[in-house]
């Protein structure tokens, strides 16, 4: 992780790098959530899921986000925002990839819960990271993260059916694996590029 200049000044290159990290983090925390809906019929058929089980799968990430939000804030205060964001991205990446390997409904639920927990602990770290990285430009920094979240969600929903599914032979497992790759890449880039200031 790189250290920021101690004089409080930010070069254009440093500012763009930090905004890029925030944007990438925002996208990485939304891509896994929107990877499932387009392939849900395939998952349901493959795992012989009932409508109740499908409904639980779709609502589970949101429930975990709500339940884990407060523990996530406590984790941020205990370990720091940067470390918490890295941990959240790493958990999200691994759990997102594990969904593609789930042999049954219970395993898919477990991976989904873990993924939701990763997202839930990473999100509360954002305000602290914004204040530490770009204290003079909190609006721009927050906009970068938000824009990444929106584009990550839109692109995942938009590209899955016309592009990713045909490319992987209409396999829902490979589709989820493909959408786990950007999250893994984002986690690695964040570890390398994030300044240890929050």
Protein backbone atom coordinates (compact mmCIF):
# COMPACT_ATOMS: atom_id res chain seq x y z
CA UNK A 1 0.00 0.00 0.00
CA UNK A 2 1.26 3.43 -0.90
CA UNK A 3 1.59 6.32 1.53
CA UNK A 4 0.00 9.67 0.69
CA UNK A 5 2.05 12.89 0.68
CA UNK A 6 2.46 14.13 4.24
CA UNK A 7 2.09 17.80 3.33
CA UNK A 8 -1.61 17.38 2.57
CA UNK A 9 -1.13 18.23 -1.10
CA UNK A 10 -2.49 15.93 -3.78
CA UNK A 11 -1.08 15.80 -7.28
CA UNK A 12 -3.49 15.26 -10.13
CA UNK A 13 -2.12 11.76 -10.67
CA UNK A 14 -2.60 10.82 -7.01
CA UNK A 15 -6.11 12.24 -6.97
CA UNK A 16 -7.07 10.32 -10.10
CA UNK A 17 -5.58 7.13 -8.65
CA UNK A 18 -7.60 7.50 -5.46
CA UNK A 19 -10.78 8.27 -7.37
CA UNK A 20 -10.11 5.24 -9.55
CA UNK A 21 -9.75 3.03 -6.49
CA UNK A 22 -13.02 4.34 -5.08
CA UNK A 23 -14.78 3.81 -8.41
CA UNK A 24 -13.41 0.28 -8.72
CA UNK A 25 -14.46 -0.55 -5.17
CA UNK A 26 -17.97 0.70 -5.81
CA UNK A 27 -18.29 -1.45 -8.93
CA UNK A 28 -16.83 -4.51 -7.21
CA UNK A 29 -19.39 -4.29 -4.39
CA UNK A 30 -22.32 -4.27 -6.80
CA UNK A 31 -21.32 -6.69 -9.56
CA UNK A 32 -21.88 -9.85 -7.43
CA UNK A 33 -25.36 -8.73 -6.38
CA UNK A 34 -26.59 -8.28 -9.94
CA UNK A 35 -24.95 -11.36 -11.42
CA UNK A 36 -27.65 -13.73 -10.18
CA UNK A 37 -30.99 -12.32 -11.49
CA UNK A 38 -30.24 -12.84 -15.22
CA UNK A 39 -29.30 -16.51 -14.65
CA UNK A 40 -31.86 -17.24 -11.95
CA UNK A 41 -34.02 -19.50 -14.18
CA UNK A 42 -30.94 -21.62 -14.92
CA UNK A 43 -30.00 -21.83 -11.24
CA UNK A 44 -33.53 -22.78 -10.29
CA UNK A 45 -33.65 -25.54 -12.89
CA UNK A 46 -30.18 -26.86 -12.08
CA UNK A 47 -30.66 -27.00 -8.31
CA UNK A 48 -34.39 -27.85 -8.42
CA UNK A 49 -35.29 -24.87 -6.27
CA UNK A 50 -38.81 -24.08 -5.12
CA UNK A 51 -40.26 -20.58 -5.42
CA UNK A 52 -39.70 -20.10 -1.71
CA UNK A 53 -36.05 -21.04 -2.05
CA UNK A 54 -35.66 -18.67 -5.01
CA UNK A 55 -37.24 -15.84 -3.04
CA UNK A 56 -34.92 -16.50 -0.12
CA UNK A 57 -31.89 -16.47 -2.41
CA UNK A 58 -32.86 -13.10 -3.85
CA UNK A 59 -33.67 -11.48 -0.50
CA UNK A 60 -30.75 -12.94 1.42
CA UNK A 61 -28.04 -10.42 0.34
CA UNK A 62 -30.21 -7.45 1.32
CA UNK A 63 -31.03 -9.01 4.67
CA UNK A 64 -27.35 -9.63 5.37
CA UNK A 65 -26.51 -6.06 4.35
CA UNK A 66 -29.04 -4.75 6.86
CA UNK A 67 -28.01 -7.08 9.69
CA UNK A 68 -24.25 -6.68 9.25
CA UNK A 69 -24.18 -2.90 8.75
CA UNK A 70 -23.71 -2.07 12.44
CA UNK A 71 -21.09 -4.81 13.05
CA UNK A 72 -19.39 -3.48 9.93
CA UNK A 73 -19.14 -0.03 11.48
CA UNK A 74 -17.65 -1.52 14.64
CA UNK A 75 -15.09 -3.41 12.56
CA UNK A 76 -14.12 -0.15 10.84
CA UNK A 77 -13.56 1.57 14.20
CA UNK A 78 -11.54 -1.38 15.50
CA UNK A 79 -9.31 -2.21 12.52
CA UNK A 80 -9.41 0.92 10.36
CA UNK A 81 -11.29 1.72 7.19
CA UNK A 82 -8.61 0.67 4.71
CA UNK A 83 -8.08 -2.75 6.28
CA UNK A 84 -11.81 -3.26 6.59
CA UNK A 85 -12.37 -2.35 2.93
CA UNK A 86 -9.63 -4.77 1.86
CA UNK A 87 -11.13 -7.52 4.03
CA UNK A 88 -14.62 -6.78 2.69
CA UNK A 89 -13.47 -6.90 -0.92
CA UNK A 90 -11.52 -10.11 -0.32
CA UNK A 91 -14.48 -11.83 1.36
CA UNK A 92 -16.81 -10.65 -1.39
CA UNK A 93 -14.44 -11.89 -4.09
CA UNK A 94 -13.92 -15.35 -2.59
CA UNK A 95 -17.57 -15.87 -1.67
CA UNK A 96 -18.72 -14.65 -5.07
CA UNK A 97 -16.45 -17.18 -6.76
CA UNK A 98 -17.59 -19.94 -4.40
CA UNK A 99 -21.19 -19.48 -5.52
CA UNK A 100 -20.25 -20.93 -8.89
CA UNK A 101 -19.02 -24.10 -7.16
CA UNK A 102 -22.05 -24.63 -4.93
CA UNK A 103 -23.20 -28.25 -5.24
CA UNK A 104 -26.62 -27.49 -3.78
CA UNK A 105 -28.98 -24.90 -2.40
CA UNK A 106 -27.50 -24.81 1.12
CA UNK A 107 -23.99 -24.23 -0.20
CA UNK A 108 -25.30 -21.50 -2.50
CA UNK A 109 -27.01 -19.85 0.46
CA UNK A 110 -23.83 -20.04 2.54
CA UNK A 111 -21.73 -18.43 -0.18
CA UNK A 112 -24.37 -15.76 -0.71
CA UNK A 113 -24.44 -14.93 3.01
CA UNK A 114 -20.65 -14.67 3.09
CA UNK A 115 -20.71 -12.43 0.01
CA UNK A 116 -23.32 -10.18 1.60
CA UNK A 117 -21.25 -9.96 4.77
CA UNK A 118 -18.21 -8.89 2.78
CA UNK A 119 -20.18 -6.13 1.10
CA UNK A 120 -21.78 -5.09 4.39
CA UNK A 121 -18.48 -4.56 6.21
CA UNK A 122 -16.87 -2.77 3.26
CA UNK A 123 -19.59 -0.15 2.76
CA UNK A 124 -19.33 1.53 6.19
CA UNK A 125 -15.62 2.07 5.54
CA UNK A 126 -16.36 4.47 2.68
CA UNK A 127 -17.00 7.72 4.62
CA UNK A 128 -13.80 7.31 6.62
CA UNK A 129 -11.78 6.51 3.50
CA UNK A 130 -13.23 9.53 1.67
CA UNK A 131 -12.31 11.86 4.55
CA UNK A 132 -8.80 10.43 4.83
CA UNK A 133 -7.97 10.23 1.14
CA UNK A 134 -9.61 13.33 -0.30
CA UNK A 135 -10.67 15.61 2.57
CA UNK A 136 -10.91 18.64 0.27
CA UNK A 137 -13.09 16.81 -2.26
CA UNK A 138 -15.53 14.59 -0.38
CA UNK A 139 -18.30 15.18 -2.90
CA UNK A 140 -16.18 14.11 -5.85
CA UNK A 141 -14.86 11.08 -3.97
CA UNK A 142 -18.35 9.96 -2.96
CA UNK A 143 -19.57 10.52 -6.52
CA UNK A 144 -16.78 8.28 -7.84
CA UNK A 145 -17.80 5.42 -5.54
CA UNK A 146 -21.49 5.92 -6.33
CA UNK A 147 -20.85 6.03 -10.07
CA UNK A 148 -18.88 2.80 -9.83
CA UNK A 149 -21.72 1.16 -7.92
CA UNK A 150 -24.29 2.22 -10.51
CA UNK A 151 -22.24 1.25 -13.54
CA UNK A 152 -21.24 -2.04 -11.95
CA UNK A 153 -24.89 -2.90 -11.38
CA UNK A 154 -26.07 -1.75 -14.81
CA UNK A 155 -23.27 -3.41 -16.79
CA UNK A 156 -23.71 -6.73 -14.99
CA UNK A 157 -27.43 -6.84 -15.71
CA UNK A 158 -26.99 -5.54 -19.25
CA UNK A 159 -24.12 -7.78 -20.40
CA UNK A 160 -24.97 -11.12 -18.81
CA UNK A 161 -27.63 -12.40 -21.20
CA UNK A 162 -26.38 -11.05 -24.56
CA UNK A 163 -22.64 -11.47 -23.95
CA UNK A 164 -21.50 -13.56 -20.98
CA UNK A 165 -24.03 -16.40 -21.13
CA UNK A 166 -23.42 -17.23 -24.82
CA UNK A 167 -19.67 -16.99 -24.24
CA UNK A 168 -19.74 -19.60 -21.44
CA UNK A 169 -22.19 -21.96 -23.10
CA UNK A 170 -25.24 -20.84 -21.09
CA UNK A 171 -23.68 -22.06 -17.85
CA UNK A 172 -24.87 -20.18 -14.77
CA UNK A 173 -21.88 -21.45 -12.84
CA UNK A 174 -19.36 -20.08 -15.33
CA UNK A 175 -21.36 -16.85 -15.55
CA UNK A 176 -21.03 -16.29 -11.80
CA UNK A 177 -17.35 -17.23 -12.03
CA UNK A 178 -16.84 -14.63 -14.78
CA UNK A 179 -18.47 -11.91 -12.67
CA UNK A 180 -16.28 -12.88 -9.70
CA UNK A 181 -13.14 -12.02 -11.69
CA UNK A 182 -13.61 -8.20 -11.59
CA UNK A 183 -14.16 -8.40 -7.84
CA UNK A 184 -10.95 -10.40 -7.36
CA UNK A 185 -9.04 -7.94 -9.55
CA UNK A 186 -10.46 -4.98 -7.61
CA UNK A 187 -9.42 -6.54 -4.30
CA UNK A 188 -5.86 -7.07 -5.53
CA UNK A 189 -5.59 -3.55 -6.97
CA UNK A 190 -6.93 -2.07 -3.73
CA UNK A 191 -4.35 -3.97 -1.68
CA UNK A 192 -1.54 -2.71 -3.90
CA UNK A 193 -2.69 0.86 -4.39
CA UNK A 194 -4.57 1.87 -1.26
CA UNK A 195 -2.70 4.30 1.01
CA UNK A 196 -2.66 3.17 4.68
CA UNK A 197 -4.14 6.39 6.01
CA UNK A 198 -7.65 5.43 7.14
